[in-house]
Amino acid sequence: MSQSVIKSLFAQRSRDFLKDVLSRYADGGPKAPDILLVVKTGHPGAVFPAYLKEDYPDTIHLVFGGYSENLLLGEFGFDVTLSFGDGYENLSIPFDAIEGLVCQDEGFALQLPSLEDTAEPSDDEAEPATVEGFDDETEEEPADKGGDNVVTLDAFRRK
């Protein structure tokens, strides 16, 4: 399975998880602990008042809990009314505009990958997969690449 397929699956499952968490804040539902969402204010489709986009040109941290009303979940995002200082503002946020979710009460945080970043890279951009803890430079080349397929274990013996 390619890295882009795995990233795409993780991005979609993360959005499903986010939808499930947000559904717990719908009006009439049981009160859930406060969560913080990190949202890209400049994301296409994100609707914020001009003063919020001006004050937070890149990202804004939104607290859900006792401060949210009129939550309407959709397939690609949600609408909500949130308290800002002395008033309430109606926001419309696509799920892909959300970069992260934090629940301090539970000691939980999740960084959400962008669905836009899961496209298959071109051959020029493709990088080999790496796993932390494995170092490609420590691999030894076999002395003889032809003939029988004998594996020597000398590199793994204690000295």
C-alpha atoms as a PDB file:
ATOM      1  CA  MET A   1       0.000   0.000   0.000  1.00  0.00           C
ATOM      2  CA  SER A   2       1.486   3.367  -0.981  1.00  0.00           C
ATOM      3  CA  GLN A   3       2.140   6.208   1.438  1.00  0.00           C
ATOM      4  CA  SER A   4      -0.431   8.417  -0.285  1.00  0.00           C
ATOM      5  CA  VAL A   5      -3.153   5.777   0.164  1.00  0.00           C
ATOM      6  CA  ILE A   6      -2.304   5.449   3.859  1.00  0.00           C
ATOM      7  CA  LYS A   7      -2.265   9.250   4.297  1.00  0.00           C
ATOM      8  CA  SER A   8      -5.604   9.531   2.527  1.00  0.00           C
ATOM      9  CA  LEU A   9      -7.182   6.830   4.710  1.00  0.00           C
ATOM     10  CA  PHE A  10      -5.812   8.440   7.871  1.00  0.00           C
ATOM     11  CA  ALA A  11      -7.043  11.892   6.803  1.00  0.00           C
ATOM     12  CA  GLN A  12     -10.543  10.571   6.101  1.00  0.00           C
ATOM     13  CA  ARG A  13     -10.746   8.509   9.315  1.00  0.00           C
ATOM     14  CA  SER A  14      -9.553  11.549  11.278  1.00  0.00           C
ATOM     15  CA  ARG A  15     -12.450  13.559   9.793  1.00  0.00           C
ATOM     16  CA  ASP A  16     -14.871  10.772  10.751  1.00  0.00           C
ATOM     17  CA  PHE A  17     -13.513  10.882  14.306  1.00  0.00           C
ATOM     18  CA  LEU A  18     -13.884  14.674  14.355  1.00  0.00           C
ATOM     19  CA  LYS A  19     -17.510  14.421  13.191  1.00  0.00           C
ATOM     20  CA  ASP A  20     -18.229  11.937  15.972  1.00  0.00           C
ATOM     21  CA  VAL A  21     -16.637  14.196  18.602  1.00  0.00           C
ATOM     22  CA  LEU A  22     -18.525  17.269  17.367  1.00  0.00           C
ATOM     23  CA  SER A  23     -21.832  15.365  17.302  1.00  0.00           C
ATOM     24  CA  ARG A  24     -21.542  15.181  21.098  1.00  0.00           C
ATOM     25  CA  TYR A  25     -21.866  18.988  21.242  1.00  0.00           C
ATOM     26  CA  ALA A  26     -25.142  19.132  19.322  1.00  0.00           C
ATOM     27  CA  ASP A  27     -27.982  20.917  21.114  1.00  0.00           C
ATOM     28  CA  GLY A  28     -29.805  18.617  23.496  1.00  0.00           C
ATOM     29  CA  GLY A  29     -26.942  16.138  23.720  1.00  0.00           C
ATOM     30  CA  PRO A  30     -25.041  15.286  26.887  1.00  0.00           C
ATOM     31  CA  LYS A  31     -22.449  17.853  27.862  1.00  0.00           C
ATOM     32  CA  ALA A  32     -19.016  16.838  26.670  1.00  0.00           C
ATOM     33  CA  PRO A  33     -15.726  18.258  27.997  1.00  0.00           C
ATOM     34  CA  ASP A  34     -14.449  21.443  26.408  1.00  0.00           C
ATOM     35  CA  ILE A  35     -12.354  20.885  23.306  1.00  0.00           C
ATOM     36  CA  LEU A  36     -10.196  23.262  21.356  1.00  0.00           C
ATOM     37  CA  LEU A  37     -10.107  23.202  17.550  1.00  0.00           C
ATOM     38  CA  VAL A  38      -7.259  24.753  15.573  1.00  0.00           C
ATOM     39  CA  VAL A  39      -8.839  26.121  12.385  1.00  0.00           C
ATOM     40  CA  LYS A  40      -7.275  27.707   9.262  1.00  0.00           C
ATOM     41  CA  THR A  41      -9.100  31.033   8.862  1.00  0.00           C
ATOM     42  CA  GLY A  42      -8.016  31.490   5.243  1.00  0.00           C
ATOM     43  CA  HIS A  43      -9.217  28.067   4.092  1.00  0.00           C
ATOM     44  CA  PRO A  44     -11.600  28.214   1.101  1.00  0.00           C
ATOM     45  CA  GLY A  45     -15.128  27.751   2.330  1.00  0.00           C
ATOM     46  CA  ALA A  46     -14.420  28.851   5.904  1.00  0.00           C
ATOM     47  CA  VAL A  47     -16.787  31.661   6.872  1.00  0.00           C
ATOM     48  CA  PHE A  48     -15.588  33.980   9.641  1.00  0.00           C
ATOM     49  CA  PRO A  49     -16.429  37.618  10.389  1.00  0.00           C
ATOM     50  CA  ALA A  50     -13.925  40.029   8.826  1.00  0.00           C
ATOM     51  CA  TYR A  51     -12.566  41.173  12.196  1.00  0.00           C
ATOM     52  CA  LEU A  52     -11.672  37.575  13.168  1.00  0.00           C
ATOM     53  CA  LYS A  53      -9.886  36.955   9.853  1.00  0.00           C
ATOM     54  CA  GLU A  54      -8.025  40.225  10.387  1.00  0.00           C
ATOM     55  CA  ASP A  55      -7.046  39.370  13.973  1.00  0.00           C
ATOM     56  CA  TYR A  56      -6.223  35.732  13.089  1.00  0.00           C
ATOM     57  CA  PRO A  57      -4.960  35.698   9.471  1.00  0.00           C
ATOM     58  CA  ASP A  58      -3.604  32.124   9.601  1.00  0.00           C
ATOM     59  CA  THR A  59      -5.271  30.076  12.339  1.00  0.00           C
ATOM     60  CA  ILE A  60      -7.688  30.558  15.199  1.00  0.00           C
ATOM     61  CA  HIS A  61      -8.252  28.429  18.292  1.00  0.00           C
ATOM     62  CA  LEU A  62     -11.954  27.798  18.885  1.00  0.00           C
ATOM     63  CA  VAL A  63     -13.239  26.411  22.183  1.00  0.00           C
ATOM     64  CA  PHE A  64     -16.293  24.150  22.055  1.00  0.00           C
ATOM     65  CA  GLY A  65     -18.349  23.263  25.078  1.00  0.00           C
ATOM     66  CA  GLY A  66     -20.504  25.670  27.035  1.00  0.00           C
ATOM     67  CA  TYR A  67     -19.642  28.368  24.491  1.00  0.00           C
ATOM     68  CA  SER A  68     -21.256  26.842  21.409  1.00  0.00           C
ATOM     69  CA  GLU A  69     -24.830  26.860  20.134  1.00  0.00           C
ATOM     70  CA  ASN A  70     -26.741  25.832  17.026  1.00  0.00           C
ATOM     71  CA  LEU A  71     -24.241  23.223  15.881  1.00  0.00           C
ATOM     72  CA  LEU A  72     -25.253  21.786  12.501  1.00  0.00           C
ATOM     73  CA  LEU A  73     -23.041  19.017  11.145  1.00  0.00           C
ATOM     74  CA  GLY A  74     -22.875  18.378   7.417  1.00  0.00           C
ATOM     75  CA  GLU A  75     -20.971  16.014   5.177  1.00  0.00           C
ATOM     76  CA  PHE A  76     -18.090  18.409   4.478  1.00  0.00           C
ATOM     77  CA  GLY A  77     -18.188  20.749   7.465  1.00  0.00           C
ATOM     78  CA  PHE A  78     -20.340  22.352  10.106  1.00  0.00           C
ATOM     79  CA  ASP A  79     -22.047  25.583  11.109  1.00  0.00           C
ATOM     80  CA  VAL A  80     -21.963  26.814  14.694  1.00  0.00           C
ATOM     81  CA  THR A  81     -22.612  29.903  16.787  1.00  0.00           C
ATOM     82  CA  LEU A  82     -19.725  30.682  19.153  1.00  0.00           C
ATOM     83  CA  SER A  83     -19.253  33.316  21.844  1.00  0.00           C
ATOM     84  CA  PHE A  84     -16.567  35.947  21.194  1.00  0.00           C
ATOM     85  CA  GLY A  85     -16.211  38.488  23.974  1.00  0.00           C
ATOM     86  CA  ASP A  86     -19.544  40.278  24.334  1.00  0.00           C
ATOM     87  CA  GLY A  87     -21.348  38.700  21.395  1.00  0.00           C
ATOM     88  CA  TYR A  88     -22.025  35.618  19.342  1.00  0.00           C
ATOM     89  CA  GLU A  89     -20.846  34.915  15.798  1.00  0.00           C
ATOM     90  CA  ASN A  90     -22.109  32.428  13.211  1.00  0.00           C
ATOM     91  CA  LEU A  91     -19.277  30.416  11.671  1.00  0.00           C
ATOM     92  CA  SER A  92     -19.152  27.906   8.845  1.00  0.00           C
ATOM     93  CA  ILE A  93     -16.128  25.620   8.876  1.00  0.00           C
ATOM     94  CA  PRO A  94     -15.148  22.871   6.407  1.00  0.00           C
ATOM     95  CA  PHE A  95     -13.670  19.804   8.116  1.00  0.00           C
ATOM     96  CA  ASP A  96     -10.501  20.174   6.047  1.00  0.00           C
ATOM     97  CA  ALA A  97      -9.930  23.638   7.575  1.00  0.00           C
ATOM     98  CA  ILE A  98      -9.319  21.989  10.956  1.00  0.00           C
ATOM     99  CA  GLU A  99      -5.664  21.339  11.723  1.00  0.00           C
ATOM    100  CA  GLY A 100      -6.010  19.913  15.205  1.00  0.00           C
ATOM    101  CA  LEU A 101      -8.181  18.973  18.140  1.00  0.00           C
ATOM    102  CA  VAL A 102      -7.213  19.211  21.830  1.00  0.00           C
ATOM    103  CA  CYS A 103      -9.114  17.968  24.889  1.00  0.00           C
ATOM    104  CA  GLN A 104      -7.132  19.063  27.941  1.00  0.00           C
ATOM    105  CA  ASP A 105      -9.531  17.355  30.390  1.00  0.00           C
ATOM    106  CA  GLU A 106      -8.668  13.994  28.834  1.00  0.00           C
ATOM    107  CA  GLY A 107      -5.023  14.812  28.008  1.00  0.00           C
ATOM    108  CA  PHE A 108      -5.668  14.166  24.323  1.00  0.00           C
ATOM    109  CA  ALA A 109      -4.514  15.956  21.168  1.00  0.00           C
ATOM    110  CA  LEU A 110      -4.800  15.032  17.502  1.00  0.00           C
ATOM    111  CA  GLN A 111      -3.133  16.729  14.560  1.00  0.00           C
ATOM    112  CA  LEU A 112      -5.341  16.314  11.510  1.00  0.00           C
ATOM    113  CA  PRO A 113      -3.668  15.849   8.124  1.00  0.00           C
ATOM    114  CA  SER A 114      -5.022  17.888   5.262  1.00  0.00           C
ATOM    115  CA  LEU A 115      -7.083  16.046   2.684  1.00  0.00           C
ATOM    116  CA  GLU A 116      -5.396  18.267   0.084  1.00  0.00           C
ATOM    117  CA  ASP A 117      -1.953  16.885   1.012  1.00  0.00           C
ATOM    118  CA  THR A 118      -2.898  13.271   0.286  1.00  0.00           C
ATOM    119  CA  ALA A 119      -2.623  13.456  -3.507  1.00  0.00           C
ATOM    120  CA  GLU A 120      -0.151  11.080  -5.144  1.00  0.00           C
ATOM    121  CA  PRO A 121       3.246  12.848  -5.547  1.00  0.00           C
ATOM    122  CA  SER A 122       4.757  13.057  -9.006  1.00  0.00           C
ATOM    123  CA  ASP A 123       7.915  11.075  -9.803  1.00  0.00           C
ATOM    124  CA  ASP A 124       9.979  14.253  -9.297  1.00  0.00           C
ATOM    125  CA  GLU A 125       8.545  14.771  -5.779  1.00  0.00           C
ATOM    126  CA  ALA A 126       8.503  11.148  -4.624  1.00  0.00           C
ATOM    127  CA  GLU A 127      10.664  10.463  -1.600  1.00  0.00           C
ATOM    128  CA  PRO A 128      11.490   7.067  -0.175  1.00  0.00           C
ATOM    129  CA  ALA A 129       9.605   6.069   2.939  1.00  0.00           C
ATOM    130  CA  THR A 130      11.583   6.210   6.158  1.00  0.00           C
ATOM    131  CA  VAL A 131      10.823   4.771   9.544  1.00  0.00           C
ATOM    132  CA  GLU A 132      12.261   6.390  12.639  1.00  0.00           C
ATOM    133  CA  GLY A 133      14.855   4.179  14.246  1.00  0.00           C
ATOM    134  CA  PHE A 134      16.050   2.670  10.982  1.00  0.00           C
ATOM    135  CA  ASP A 135      19.122   4.131   9.357  1.00  0.00           C
ATOM    136  CA  ASP A 136      19.644   3.367   5.669  1.00  0.00           C
ATOM    137  CA  GLU A 137      23.354   4.190   5.911  1.00  0.00           C
ATOM    138  CA  THR A 138      24.067   1.346   8.350  1.00  0.00           C
ATOM    139  CA  GLU A 139      22.964  -1.353   5.941  1.00  0.00           C
ATOM    140  CA  GLU A 140      25.895  -3.352   4.651  1.00  0.00           C
ATOM    141  CA  GLU A 141      26.170  -4.227   0.998  1.00  0.00           C
ATOM    142  CA  PRO A 142      26.776  -7.907   0.288  1.00  0.00           C
ATOM    143  CA  ALA A 143      30.333  -8.621  -0.820  1.00  0.00           C
ATOM    144  CA  ASP A 144      29.259 -10.759  -3.753  1.00  0.00           C
ATOM    145  CA  LYS A 145      26.005  -9.876  -5.505  1.00  0.00           C
ATOM    146  CA  GLY A 146      25.932 -12.915  -7.729  1.00  0.00           C
ATOM    147  CA  GLY A 147      25.725 -16.645  -7.183  1.00  0.00           C
ATOM    148  CA  ASP A 148      24.089 -18.283  -4.206  1.00  0.00           C
ATOM    149  CA  ASN A 149      21.797 -16.355  -1.851  1.00  0.00           C
ATOM    150  CA  VAL A 150      23.765 -16.848   1.356  1.00  0.00           C
ATOM    151  CA  VAL A 151      23.166 -14.474   4.236  1.00  0.00           C
ATOM    152  CA  THR A 152      25.981 -13.985   6.706  1.00  0.00           C
ATOM    153  CA  LEU A 153      25.172 -13.226  10.324  1.00  0.00           C
ATOM    154  CA  ASP A 154      28.563 -11.863  11.353  1.00  0.00           C
ATOM    155  CA  ALA A 155      27.236  -8.285  11.485  1.00  0.00           C
ATOM    156  CA  PHE A 156      24.704  -9.335  14.144  1.00  0.00           C
ATOM    157  CA  ARG A 157      27.009 -11.365  16.421  1.00  0.00           C
ATOM    158  CA  ARG A 158      28.194  -9.992  19.723  1.00  0.00           C
ATOM    159  CA  LYS A 159      31.873  -9.234  19.861  1.00  0.00           C
END
